[in-house]
Amino acid sequence: MKKAKALLFVSVVTAAAFAALAPGMAQAHPHQVCHWDHHHRVCHWVR
């Protein structure tokens, strides 16, 4: 049970950190956006 709670805590902290950093990172450099088109993955760069 302790392991599950620790894992949940880590994932919440990671998600919060990513949410805080993502907008700044997205503005700083182009990033890749991927989506599934039928059966293959299509990626393209956006600014």
PDB file of N, CA and C in Angstrom:
ATOM      1  N   MET A   1       0.833  -1.211   0.000  1.00  0.00           N
ATOM      2  CA  MET A   1       0.000   0.000   0.000  1.00  0.00           C
ATOM      3  C   MET A   1       0.871   1.266   0.000  1.00  0.00           C
ATOM      4  N   LYS A   2       1.960   1.224   0.775  1.00  0.00           N
ATOM      5  CA  LYS A   2       2.860   2.378   0.839  1.00  0.00           C
ATOM      6  C   LYS A   2       3.447   2.705  -0.528  1.00  0.00           C
ATOM      7  N   LYS A   3       3.807   1.653  -1.263  1.00  0.00           N
ATOM      8  CA  LYS A   3       4.400   1.847  -2.590  1.00  0.00           C
ATOM      9  C   LYS A   3       3.452   2.577  -3.529  1.00  0.00           C
ATOM     10  N   ALA A   4       2.179   2.207  -3.496  1.00  0.00           N
ATOM     11  CA  ALA A   4       1.179   2.831  -4.372  1.00  0.00           C
ATOM     12  C   ALA A   4       1.026   4.314  -4.044  1.00  0.00           C
ATOM     13  N   LYS A   5       1.008   4.634  -2.758  1.00  0.00           N
ATOM     14  CA  LYS A   5       0.872   6.039  -2.345  1.00  0.00           C
ATOM     15  C   LYS A   5       2.093   6.842  -2.765  1.00  0.00           C
ATOM     16  N   ALA A   6       3.284   6.269  -2.618  1.00  0.00           N
ATOM     17  CA  ALA A   6       4.517   6.948  -3.015  1.00  0.00           C
ATOM     18  C   ALA A   6       4.524   7.193  -4.519  1.00  0.00           C
ATOM     19  N   LEU A   7       4.100   6.194  -5.271  1.00  0.00           N
ATOM     20  CA  LEU A   7       4.055   6.301  -6.732  1.00  0.00           C
ATOM     21  C   LEU A   7       3.069   7.395  -7.147  1.00  0.00           C
ATOM     22  N   LEU A   8       1.920   7.424  -6.502  1.00  0.00           N
ATOM     23  CA  LEU A   8       0.913   8.441  -6.789  1.00  0.00           C
ATOM     24  C   LEU A   8       1.463   9.833  -6.492  1.00  0.00           C
ATOM     25  N   PHE A   9       2.129   9.963  -5.364  1.00  0.00           N
ATOM     26  CA  PHE A   9       2.711  11.248  -4.968  1.00  0.00           C
ATOM     27  C   PHE A   9       3.736  11.720  -5.990  1.00  0.00           C
ATOM     28  N   VAL A  10       4.620  10.816  -6.403  1.00  0.00           N
ATOM     29  CA  VAL A  10       5.654  11.157  -7.390  1.00  0.00           C
ATOM     30  C   VAL A  10       5.015  11.587  -8.712  1.00  0.00           C
ATOM     31  N   SER A  11       3.992  10.868  -9.154  1.00  0.00           N
ATOM     32  CA  SER A  11       3.365  11.212 -10.435  1.00  0.00           C
ATOM     33  C   SER A  11       2.643  12.561 -10.356  1.00  0.00           C
ATOM     34  N   VAL A  12       2.036  12.870  -9.215  1.00  0.00           N
ATOM     35  CA  VAL A  12       1.364  14.166  -9.040  1.00  0.00           C
ATOM     36  C   VAL A  12       2.381  15.301  -9.051  1.00  0.00           C
ATOM     37  N   VAL A  13       3.496  15.110  -8.339  1.00  0.00           N
ATOM     38  CA  VAL A  13       4.552  16.128  -8.300  1.00  0.00           C
ATOM     39  C   VAL A  13       5.144  16.335  -9.690  1.00  0.00           C
ATOM     40  N   THR A  14       5.392  15.224 -10.404  1.00  0.00           N
ATOM     41  CA  THR A  14       5.940  15.307 -11.757  1.00  0.00           C
ATOM     42  C   THR A  14       4.973  16.047 -12.681  1.00  0.00           C
ATOM     43  N   ALA A  15       3.699  15.728 -12.594  1.00  0.00           N
ATOM     44  CA  ALA A  15       2.682  16.379 -13.427  1.00  0.00           C
ATOM     45  C   ALA A  15       2.623  17.876 -13.126  1.00  0.00           C
ATOM     46  N   ALA A  16       2.693  18.239 -11.861  1.00  0.00           N
ATOM     47  CA  ALA A  16       2.640  19.647 -11.465  1.00  0.00           C
ATOM     48  C   ALA A  16       3.867  20.398 -11.985  1.00  0.00           C
ATOM     49  N   ALA A  17       5.038  19.776 -11.861  1.00  0.00           N
ATOM     50  CA  ALA A  17       6.271  20.397 -12.346  1.00  0.00           C
ATOM     51  C   ALA A  17       6.217  20.573 -13.851  1.00  0.00           C
ATOM     52  N   PHE A  18       5.730  19.561 -14.548  1.00  0.00           N
ATOM     53  CA  PHE A  18       5.630  19.631 -16.008  1.00  0.00           C
ATOM     54  C   PHE A  18       4.649  20.726 -16.418  1.00  0.00           C
ATOM     55  N   ALA A  19       3.519  20.814 -15.738  1.00  0.00           N
ATOM     56  CA  ALA A  19       2.517  21.835 -16.046  1.00  0.00           C
ATOM     57  C   ALA A  19       3.091  23.237 -15.833  1.00  0.00           C
ATOM     58  N   ALA A  20       3.948  23.387 -14.826  1.00  0.00           N
ATOM     59  CA  ALA A  20       4.557  24.688 -14.546  1.00  0.00           C
ATOM     60  C   ALA A  20       5.617  25.038 -15.595  1.00  0.00           C
ATOM     61  N   LEU A  21       6.376  24.041 -16.051  1.00  0.00           N
ATOM     62  CA  LEU A  21       7.483  24.276 -16.982  1.00  0.00           C
ATOM     63  C   LEU A  21       7.068  24.294 -18.442  1.00  0.00           C
ATOM     64  N   ALA A  22       6.047  23.520 -18.786  1.00  0.00           N
ATOM     65  CA  ALA A  22       5.671  23.338 -20.194  1.00  0.00           C
ATOM     66  C   ALA A  22       5.415  24.642 -20.955  1.00  0.00           C
ATOM     67  N   PRO A  23       4.637  25.601 -20.408  1.00  0.00           N
ATOM     68  CA  PRO A  23       4.383  26.826 -21.185  1.00  0.00           C
ATOM     69  C   PRO A  23       5.660  27.582 -21.527  1.00  0.00           C
ATOM     70  N   GLY A  24       6.583  27.692 -20.580  1.00  0.00           N
ATOM     71  CA  GLY A  24       7.851  28.373 -20.828  1.00  0.00           C
ATOM     72  C   GLY A  24       8.699  27.640 -21.850  1.00  0.00           C
ATOM     73  N   MET A  25       8.727  26.322 -21.754  1.00  0.00           N
ATOM     74  CA  MET A  25       9.510  25.516 -22.678  1.00  0.00           C
ATOM     75  C   MET A  25       8.930  25.592 -24.088  1.00  0.00           C
ATOM     76  N   ALA A  26       7.618  25.570 -24.195  1.00  0.00           N
ATOM     77  CA  ALA A  26       6.961  25.597 -25.494  1.00  0.00           C
ATOM     78  C   ALA A  26       7.253  26.912 -26.219  1.00  0.00           C
ATOM     79  N   GLN A  27       7.364  28.002 -25.466  1.00  0.00           N
ATOM     80  CA  GLN A  27       7.650  29.301 -26.068  1.00  0.00           C
ATOM     81  C   GLN A  27       9.120  29.406 -26.448  1.00  0.00           C
ATOM     82  N   ALA A  28       9.992  28.772 -25.680  1.00  0.00           N
ATOM     83  CA  ALA A  28      11.426  28.910 -25.878  1.00  0.00           C
ATOM     84  C   ALA A  28      11.924  28.221 -27.147  1.00  0.00           C
ATOM     85  N   HIS A  29      11.374  27.069 -27.466  1.00  0.00           N
ATOM     86  CA  HIS A  29      11.856  26.344 -28.641  1.00  0.00           C
ATOM     87  C   HIS A  29      10.723  25.579 -29.314  1.00  0.00           C
ATOM     88  N   PRO A  30      10.901  25.282 -30.610  1.00  0.00           N
ATOM     89  CA  PRO A  30       9.875  24.499 -31.308  1.00  0.00           C
ATOM     90  C   PRO A  30       9.768  23.110 -30.674  1.00  0.00           C
ATOM     91  N   HIS A  31       8.608  22.524 -30.706  1.00  0.00           N
ATOM     92  CA  HIS A  31       8.462  21.176 -30.159  1.00  0.00           C
ATOM     93  C   HIS A  31       7.678  20.315 -31.135  1.00  0.00           C
ATOM     94  N   GLN A  32       7.776  19.030 -30.888  1.00  0.00           N
ATOM     95  CA  GLN A  32       7.166  18.074 -31.798  1.00  0.00           C
ATOM     96  C   GLN A  32       5.779  17.680 -31.326  1.00  0.00           C
ATOM     97  N   VAL A  33       4.850  17.681 -32.259  1.00  0.00           N
ATOM     98  CA  VAL A  33       3.485  17.237 -31.958  1.00  0.00           C
ATOM     99  C   VAL A  33       3.235  15.964 -32.750  1.00  0.00           C
ATOM    100  N   CYS A  34       2.802  14.923 -32.055  1.00  0.00           N
ATOM    101  CA  CYS A  34       2.576  13.643 -32.718  1.00  0.00           C
ATOM    102  C   CYS A  34       1.118  13.229 -32.565  1.00  0.00           C
ATOM    103  N   HIS A  35       0.611  12.596 -33.576  1.00  0.00           N
ATOM    104  CA  HIS A  35      -0.730  12.021 -33.480  1.00  0.00           C
ATOM    105  C   HIS A  35      -0.774  10.764 -34.346  1.00  0.00           C
ATOM    106  N   TRP A  36      -1.786   9.950 -34.101  1.00  0.00           N
ATOM    107  CA  TRP A  36      -1.916   8.705 -34.863  1.00  0.00           C
ATOM    108  C   TRP A  36      -2.825   8.933 -36.053  1.00  0.00           C
ATOM    109  N   ASP A  37      -2.294   8.647 -37.235  1.00  0.00           N
ATOM    110  CA  ASP A  37      -3.081   8.774 -38.458  1.00  0.00           C
ATOM    111  C   ASP A  37      -3.305   7.366 -38.976  1.00  0.00           C
ATOM    112  N   HIS A  38      -4.531   6.863 -38.851  1.00  0.00           N
ATOM    113  CA  HIS A  38      -4.846   5.465 -39.171  1.00  0.00           C
ATOM    114  C   HIS A  38      -3.965   4.560 -38.328  1.00  0.00           C
ATOM    115  N   HIS A  39      -2.896   3.981 -38.903  1.00  0.00           N
ATOM    116  CA  HIS A  39      -2.093   3.050 -38.105  1.00  0.00           C
ATOM    117  C   HIS A  39      -0.667   3.511 -37.905  1.00  0.00           C
ATOM    118  N   HIS A  40      -0.308   4.714 -38.409  1.00  0.00           N
ATOM    119  CA  HIS A  40       1.043   5.163 -38.108  1.00  0.00           C
ATOM    120  C   HIS A  40       1.057   6.534 -37.460  1.00  0.00           C
ATOM    121  N   ARG A  41       2.163   6.760 -36.786  1.00  0.00           N
ATOM    122  CA  ARG A  41       2.335   7.973 -36.011  1.00  0.00           C
ATOM    123  C   ARG A  41       2.868   9.067 -36.927  1.00  0.00           C
ATOM    124  N   VAL A  42       2.231  10.212 -36.867  1.00  0.00           N
ATOM    125  CA  VAL A  42       2.665  11.348 -37.677  1.00  0.00           C
ATOM    126  C   VAL A  42       3.129  12.449 -36.729  1.00  0.00           C
ATOM    127  N   CYS A  43       4.362  12.899 -36.939  1.00  0.00           N
ATOM    128  CA  CYS A  43       4.917  13.947 -36.085  1.00  0.00           C
ATOM    129  C   CYS A  43       5.277  15.164 -36.915  1.00  0.00           C
ATOM    130  N   HIS A  44       5.049  16.330 -36.349  1.00  0.00           N
ATOM    131  CA  HIS A  44       5.492  17.546 -37.023  1.00  0.00           C
ATOM    132  C   HIS A  44       5.918  18.568 -35.980  1.00  0.00           C
ATOM    133  N   TRP A  45       6.768  19.486 -36.392  1.00  0.00           N
ATOM    134  CA  TRP A  45       7.308  20.488 -35.480  1.00  0.00           C
ATOM    135  C   TRP A  45       6.444  21.730 -35.487  1.00  0.00           C
ATOM    136  N   VAL A  46       6.178  22.263 -34.323  1.00  0.00           N
ATOM    137  CA  VAL A  46       5.428  23.509 -34.200  1.00  0.00           C
ATOM    138  C   VAL A  46       6.227  24.482 -33.345  1.00  0.00           C
ATOM    139  N   ARG A  47       6.032  25.759 -33.574  1.00  0.00           N
ATOM    140  CA  ARG A  47       6.748  26.764 -32.784  1.00  0.00           C
ATOM    141  C   ARG A  47       5.925  27.148 -31.559  1.00  0.00           C
TER     142      ARG A  47
END
